[in-house]
Amino acid sequence: MRTEDRIWPLVAKRLADETTIEELQELDELLKKYPGTDWQIKIIADWWHENIQEEIASKGALIFEKIKEKIKATED
């Protein structure tokens, strides 16, 4: 595996909060070695976190609607 190709699996693990301390250190060293990837990682990370927040909000809205339905059912 090329060194540059090692960055992306580490980035994916980082976004999923699955990296070890050693992997975080490795990622940091690789980013120092290949600084041009910083902007790509930032774009992906921003997109990832935005989608996670939307998913959480969507699930929260669904749960809230179910709660409202149960309350309404008990009032009837």
C-alpha atoms as a PDB file:
ATOM      1  CA  MET A   1       0.000   0.000   0.000  1.00  0.00           C
ATOM      2  CA  ARG A   2       1.329   3.399  -0.900  1.00  0.00           C
ATOM      3  CA  THR A   3       1.894   5.766   1.986  1.00  0.00           C
ATOM      4  CA  GLU A   4      -0.639   8.267   0.615  1.00  0.00           C
ATOM      5  CA  ASP A   5      -3.237   5.494   0.450  1.00  0.00           C
ATOM      6  CA  ARG A   6      -2.783   4.833   4.162  1.00  0.00           C
ATOM      7  CA  ILE A   7      -4.142   8.292   4.965  1.00  0.00           C
ATOM      8  CA  TRP A   8      -7.705   7.567   3.830  1.00  0.00           C
ATOM      9  CA  PRO A   9      -8.390   4.478   5.961  1.00  0.00           C
ATOM     10  CA  LEU A  10      -7.032   6.394   8.945  1.00  0.00           C
ATOM     11  CA  VAL A  11      -9.228   9.385   8.132  1.00  0.00           C
ATOM     12  CA  ALA A  12     -12.254   7.099   7.868  1.00  0.00           C
ATOM     13  CA  LYS A  13     -11.466   5.511  11.225  1.00  0.00           C
ATOM     14  CA  ARG A  14     -10.963   8.977  12.737  1.00  0.00           C
ATOM     15  CA  LEU A  15     -14.335  10.188  11.481  1.00  0.00           C
ATOM     16  CA  ALA A  16     -15.952   7.100  12.992  1.00  0.00           C
ATOM     17  CA  ASP A  17     -14.087   7.679  16.277  1.00  0.00           C
ATOM     18  CA  GLU A  18     -12.416   4.283  15.974  1.00  0.00           C
ATOM     19  CA  THR A  19      -8.734   5.260  15.907  1.00  0.00           C
ATOM     20  CA  THR A  20      -6.167   4.223  18.447  1.00  0.00           C
ATOM     21  CA  ILE A  21      -3.631   6.671  19.831  1.00  0.00           C
ATOM     22  CA  GLU A  22      -1.007   5.087  17.593  1.00  0.00           C
ATOM     23  CA  GLU A  23      -3.202   5.527  14.519  1.00  0.00           C
ATOM     24  CA  LEU A  24      -3.840   9.166  15.397  1.00  0.00           C
ATOM     25  CA  GLN A  25      -0.103   9.701  15.675  1.00  0.00           C
ATOM     26  CA  GLU A  26       0.442   7.938  12.358  1.00  0.00           C
ATOM     27  CA  LEU A  27      -2.216  10.096  10.719  1.00  0.00           C
ATOM     28  CA  ASP A  28      -0.612  13.228  12.131  1.00  0.00           C
ATOM     29  CA  GLU A  29       2.778  12.190  10.725  1.00  0.00           C
ATOM     30  CA  LEU A  30       1.298  11.386   7.327  1.00  0.00           C
ATOM     31  CA  LEU A  31      -0.469  14.743   7.192  1.00  0.00           C
ATOM     32  CA  LYS A  32       2.835  16.455   7.908  1.00  0.00           C
ATOM     33  CA  LYS A  33       4.416  14.446   5.101  1.00  0.00           C
ATOM     34  CA  TYR A  34       1.549  15.149   2.679  1.00  0.00           C
ATOM     35  CA  PRO A  35       0.206  18.587   3.635  1.00  0.00           C
ATOM     36  CA  GLY A  36      -1.790  18.915   0.407  1.00  0.00           C
ATOM     37  CA  THR A  37      -4.381  16.487   1.699  1.00  0.00           C
ATOM     38  CA  ASP A  38      -5.429  18.771   4.568  1.00  0.00           C
ATOM     39  CA  TRP A  39      -8.060  20.616   2.542  1.00  0.00           C
ATOM     40  CA  GLN A  40      -9.517  17.368   1.165  1.00  0.00           C
ATOM     41  CA  ILE A  41      -9.807  15.929   4.653  1.00  0.00           C
ATOM     42  CA  LYS A  42     -11.402  19.137   5.940  1.00  0.00           C
ATOM     43  CA  ILE A  43     -14.054  19.015   3.210  1.00  0.00           C
ATOM     44  CA  ILE A  44     -14.821  15.363   3.918  1.00  0.00           C
ATOM     45  CA  ALA A  45     -14.873  15.913   7.688  1.00  0.00           C
ATOM     46  CA  ASP A  46     -17.183  18.927   7.369  1.00  0.00           C
ATOM     47  CA  TRP A  47     -19.523  16.938   5.116  1.00  0.00           C
ATOM     48  CA  TRP A  48     -19.405  13.938   7.485  1.00  0.00           C
ATOM     49  CA  HIS A  49     -20.225  15.970  10.587  1.00  0.00           C
ATOM     50  CA  GLU A  50     -22.984  17.877   8.795  1.00  0.00           C
ATOM     51  CA  ASN A  51     -24.624  14.634   7.678  1.00  0.00           C
ATOM     52  CA  ILE A  52     -24.308  13.109  11.139  1.00  0.00           C
ATOM     53  CA  GLN A  53     -26.030  16.150  12.664  1.00  0.00           C
ATOM     54  CA  GLU A  54     -28.815  15.949  10.068  1.00  0.00           C
ATOM     55  CA  GLU A  55     -29.284  12.253  10.805  1.00  0.00           C
ATOM     56  CA  ILE A  56     -29.458  12.892  14.539  1.00  0.00           C
ATOM     57  CA  ALA A  57     -31.970  15.715  14.036  1.00  0.00           C
ATOM     58  CA  SER A  58     -34.049  13.531  11.730  1.00  0.00           C
ATOM     59  CA  LYS A  59     -34.131  10.656  14.229  1.00  0.00           C
ATOM     60  CA  GLY A  60     -34.931  13.112  17.006  1.00  0.00           C
ATOM     61  CA  ALA A  61     -37.843  14.519  15.037  1.00  0.00           C
ATOM     62  CA  LEU A  62     -39.167  11.015  14.363  1.00  0.00           C
ATOM     63  CA  ILE A  63     -38.957  10.071  18.039  1.00  0.00           C
ATOM     64  CA  PHE A  64     -40.689  13.319  19.014  1.00  0.00           C
ATOM     65  CA  GLU A  65     -43.531  12.608  16.586  1.00  0.00           C
ATOM     66  CA  LYS A  66     -43.978   9.119  18.052  1.00  0.00           C
ATOM     67  CA  ILE A  67     -44.098  10.586  21.550  1.00  0.00           C
ATOM     68  CA  LYS A  68     -46.714  13.125  20.468  1.00  0.00           C
ATOM     69  CA  GLU A  69     -48.788  10.317  18.920  1.00  0.00           C
ATOM     70  CA  LYS A  70     -48.660   8.313  22.162  1.00  0.00           C
ATOM     71  CA  ILE A  71     -49.659  11.355  24.211  1.00  0.00           C
ATOM     72  CA  LYS A  72     -52.529  12.063  21.860  1.00  0.00           C
ATOM     73  CA  ALA A  73     -53.635   8.416  22.019  1.00  0.00           C
ATOM     74  CA  THR A  74     -53.741   8.523  25.827  1.00  0.00           C
ATOM     75  CA  GLU A  75     -55.753  11.755  25.770  1.00  0.00           C
ATOM     76  CA  ASP A  76     -58.457  10.304  23.511  1.00  0.00           C
END
